[in-house]
């Protein structure tokens, strides 16, 4: 799976045990297994719960936020991320 983009406006990403679940208007859109995930990218109006964020950080998975037009807003990088050492070297 690698990188997952969540683009459904108004969707919410929350923790369900050791997985992430994407829900929109009460309907489950996706069930994400973390061992396949390297990065989560949220596009536009997508919510991420703090419990989901904590789980992502525990697994070393980074999160990026983009505008609805695809422009970068920012990123959250886990302390366990492989990219941390690259960033420090830069």
Protein backbone atom coordinates (compact mmCIF):
# COMPACT_ATOMS: atom_id res chain seq x y z
CA UNK A 1 0.00 0.00 0.00
CA UNK A 2 2.75 2.49 0.90
CA UNK A 3 1.17 5.94 0.63
CA UNK A 4 -2.57 6.47 1.14
CA UNK A 5 -4.42 9.61 0.08
CA UNK A 6 -7.72 10.44 1.78
CA UNK A 7 -9.56 12.85 -0.52
CA UNK A 8 -13.23 12.53 0.46
CA UNK A 9 -14.26 15.91 1.85
CA UNK A 10 -15.74 15.62 5.33
CA UNK A 11 -14.22 12.19 5.98
CA UNK A 12 -12.83 11.26 9.39
CA UNK A 13 -9.89 8.97 10.11
CA UNK A 14 -10.10 7.29 13.50
CA UNK A 15 -8.52 4.41 15.36
CA UNK A 16 -10.24 1.03 15.48
CA UNK A 17 -7.99 -1.24 17.56
CA UNK A 18 -4.70 -1.55 15.71
CA UNK A 19 -6.14 -0.27 12.42
CA UNK A 20 -7.37 3.00 11.03
CA UNK A 21 -10.89 3.40 9.73
CA UNK A 22 -12.04 6.09 7.30
CA UNK A 23 -15.68 7.10 7.76
CA UNK A 24 -17.86 9.56 5.86
CA UNK A 25 -21.46 10.32 6.80
CA UNK A 26 -21.68 7.18 8.92
CA UNK A 27 -20.39 4.87 6.18
CA UNK A 28 -17.04 3.11 6.35
CA UNK A 29 -14.97 3.99 3.30
CA UNK A 30 -11.74 2.18 4.13
CA UNK A 31 -9.99 0.01 6.67
CA UNK A 32 -6.23 0.67 6.72
CA UNK A 33 -3.77 -1.91 8.02
CA UNK A 34 -0.78 -0.10 9.46
CA UNK A 35 1.88 -2.64 8.53
CA UNK A 36 1.28 -1.74 4.87
CA UNK A 37 1.26 2.02 5.42
CA UNK A 38 4.29 4.32 5.08
CA UNK A 39 2.61 7.73 4.87
CA UNK A 40 -0.92 9.09 5.21
CA UNK A 41 -1.87 12.14 3.14
CA UNK A 42 -5.02 14.07 3.99
CA UNK A 43 -6.39 16.30 1.23
CA UNK A 44 -8.72 19.18 2.07
CA UNK A 45 -11.38 18.87 4.78
CA UNK A 46 -10.41 15.51 6.31
CA UNK A 47 -10.31 15.04 10.07
CA UNK A 48 -7.83 12.92 12.00
CA UNK A 49 -8.49 11.97 15.63
CA UNK A 50 -5.73 12.29 18.23
CA UNK A 51 -6.00 8.55 18.94
CA UNK A 52 -5.35 7.81 15.25
CA UNK A 53 -2.44 10.24 15.21
CA UNK A 54 -0.89 8.64 18.29
CA UNK A 55 -1.15 5.20 16.67
CA UNK A 56 0.47 6.50 13.48
CA UNK A 57 3.34 8.00 15.47
CA UNK A 58 3.78 4.78 17.46
CA UNK A 59 4.22 2.94 14.14
CA UNK A 60 6.59 5.54 12.64
CA UNK A 61 4.10 6.66 9.99
CA UNK A 62 4.20 10.30 8.85
CA UNK A 63 1.13 12.41 8.04
CA UNK A 64 0.93 15.17 5.43
CA UNK A 65 -1.83 17.73 5.01
CA UNK A 66 -2.69 19.23 1.62
CA UNK A 67 -5.25 21.84 0.60
CA UNK A 68 -8.20 20.67 -1.47
CA UNK A 69 -6.21 21.87 -4.51
CA UNK A 70 -3.20 19.72 -3.58
CA UNK A 71 -0.94 22.41 -2.16
CA UNK A 72 1.09 21.42 0.92
CA UNK A 73 -0.10 22.76 4.28
CA UNK A 74 2.31 20.86 6.50
CA UNK A 75 3.48 17.52 7.77
CA UNK A 76 3.70 15.72 11.07
CA UNK A 77 6.72 13.48 11.37
CA UNK A 78 6.97 10.65 13.86
CA UNK A 79 10.05 10.45 16.04
CA UNK A 80 10.43 6.89 14.76
CA UNK A 81 10.29 7.92 11.12
CA UNK A 82 13.11 6.84 8.85
CA UNK A 83 13.11 10.36 7.42
CA UNK A 84 14.06 11.96 10.76
CA UNK A 85 17.72 11.04 10.32
CA UNK A 86 17.67 12.42 6.80
CA UNK A 87 16.16 15.71 8.02
CA UNK A 88 18.77 16.00 10.79
CA UNK A 89 21.56 15.46 8.29
CA UNK A 90 20.16 18.17 6.06
